[in-house]
Amino acid sequence: MEKNGSFLSRYGLRLFGWTVAIISLVVAFFPVLAKYSALIAPDSMPFFAYPWRTVKVEELLSSGTFTPHVLYWLLLHPLYAHELTFMGDSIVLALAGVYYLRSQRVHPLAAWCGGLALGLSGYTFTLFCAGHRGYFHMFSCAVWAFGLIARGFETRRLFYFAMLGLVFAWGVSYQPDVLLLVGALAAFYVLWVTAKGKAGDVSRMPNAESPREAKVQGAGCGGIWKTVVGVWPRFLVSVMVLALAGFNGIRSAATTQIANRDVQIAGAAGQRGSGVEPTGKKTAAEKRERWIFATNWSLPPEDVLEFVVPGVFGNESLQGDYPYWGRLGRPDDSVFQKGRMVPNYRGHTVYLGLIPVLFSLLAVFALFASPNEAKGVSPSPERLAPLVFRSDVPFWCVVWVVCLILAMGRYTPLYKFFYAIPYMDYIRAPVKFHHLAEVATAFLAGFGMDAFLRAGRPEMRRKLLWLAVGMAGVLLVAALVAVVAKPLTIRYITDLGMGQVAETLCGYTLRNLMRALGLAALVAGLAFVAMRRGSERALVGIGCVLVAVLALDQAFVAQRYVKAMNVEPFYTENAVVRALAKLNGGEGSRVVNYATQNTLQDWFSSSLAMKGIRNLAPSQNDRDTAYGRLFMGLQNDPVRLWQVLHAQTV
């Protein structure tokens, strides 16, 4: 019986977590799983050169940088890899959350709760709709840092410090600005773990899962100074690995990325009629332009409601039946003109998930619970263990509050202090700090579910019940306000230039509020059942239901941002492709295409390229080059043009 329970706790919950993760991703991406039904992702559109593996190897050799993400493209057909990169990275990110929470010895189911909350979190996950593939690659690596730091301090093994450098080296090639934020957060976490010092290690010794772990944890006691001397020098291994494995990425981030951002800022300023002087000293107008540029995409305070109510202000800008009508992505108030300018530009949600938010609040309440209330008196070793989360919950609470304030950017005066730090004016879109708030929310949710599962007495379940009831009450009031304020809301949306969908959007807001209200009521009902039936088996069963609902809830929200396009005409053989292949014995050929423009948006021209048939006609971007001028110069002498270009077919 003991072995049976041990097997289920070690492997059954892992299998459950993997199953829920995979099902959730299939639900989210179901409309684009077919080969020729591709995800519309503007920054990473599904158009790939004919010899895609050769192109990828060439890029790999020229950059001199290898990351595991290259394997997506070397092993899979690019049309499958297009969606699987987002799916695979999301699973890896979820596992990073599980790894950290398990390093804190939380219950395995609680670890999956936090991991899935992170992997499917709104802003982090729904960026696939913009095609920010590099962000997925970076974040799926960088978040492993927190678990590796915790393990490194606990065991002092050099392996963990080497892996810490490696995950940052793999991430630095992608989205270096957000990686800088994650790296800074990891550095603060190092200081936090160090500051916990003696007290933190002593509290964790009784929670060791084996005598060997107790011995290792006990060796860590001795105060802050002993921790600094014993652990900090090992970070030199992390720095060495980062420098060796990520040199090219670091150099690119420090030179090319900064130069590109300067050009971007100058271009944005130029569009507003402000030139950029070559001198290092900026005028007041230039400083203002830079501030406006850097603080675009600040999180409006009212969008905090969307943390628990997805789509309360619509989904994404200018798309679908329910366009976003909030202020995120809106031009600065000094230049914005209602009804005459695009009201905003947002392509994602900031939904944290109602269930993760409730469990995060439970973790905060559990932090201040009395030991008897938290531990209970059950003889189960799982429940007798001290609440490990007491050590890290304060850190993640502070991270959540600070990052939320920074994410609000221009809407809070405190952002100016951060902006004044050297090089921080290069960070565009303060809403990026919401990524770190999502990390904090997910980890707190894991700690909260740990309290829900392990507390021997029903107080923790009762607290969750009242939290859910309180949330339902707030949502009910919000729904009543939405009904009463409907005429004002319609007028506001109409003034933005979206009068044709104003009525529909008001109904959508109300439906999403009722959806969230129903979800809160479901959590309250499950918490009530758990309070009445406090056996370990019943608690795990209810926890499994909550984790499954959490994941599916966030997956269905993410599916709102999945837009499919049929790319079959680009990749399948048409009559022209078959005729050319027949004329050239199945080999690729060189053609001059006069029928259509030579662009990726033109399916006929692209269908030639996708089958290895090189179109010699210059694209729009090549018209002003020497090649483009040659082509245009000989357009009245087509025979000579074909001879010069060695064209086989016209």
Foldseek 3Di string as FASTA:
>chain_A
DVVVVVCCQVPVLVVLLVVLLVVLLCLQQVQQQDLQWAFQAPVDGQFAFQPRLVVLVVVCVVLVADDPLSVLRNPDPSSNSLSVLLSVLLLLQLVLQLLLLVLLVFRSLLSSLLSLLLSLFWPQNLNVLNVLSLSSQQNSLLSNLNSLLSVCLQQVDLVSLLSNLVSLLRNLLGDVVLSVVSVVLSVVVNVLVLQCAQVLLVLCLLVDPDPVSSVSSVVRHDHNVCSCVSRVVSNVSSVVSNCVNRVSSVVCCVPVVLVVLVVVLQVQCVVVVDHDDPDPDDDPSSVVSLLQQQAQQFDAPVLVVQQLFPQLQFAFDPDDLTHGQDQGQAHDPVPDAAQPDRGGGDQIHNHSFNLLQLLLVLLVVLLPDDQCQQQPDDPDSLSNRGLSCNSCSVVLVVLLVVLSQQSNRPNDPVVVVVCPPPPSSSRHRSVSSSSSNSSSSSSSSSSSLSSLQRGRALPSLVSSLVSLVVVLVVLVVVLVVLVVCLVVQLVSSVRNVPNVSSVVNSVVSNVSSVVSSVVSVVSNVLSVVCNVVVDNVSSVVSSSVSSSCRSNVSSVSSSVSGDIDRLCLLADDDPVNVVVCVVVVNDAFEAADPPDACDPVDSVNNSSRNSRHHHQQDHPVCCPPPSNVVCVVCVVPVVVVCVVVVGPYD
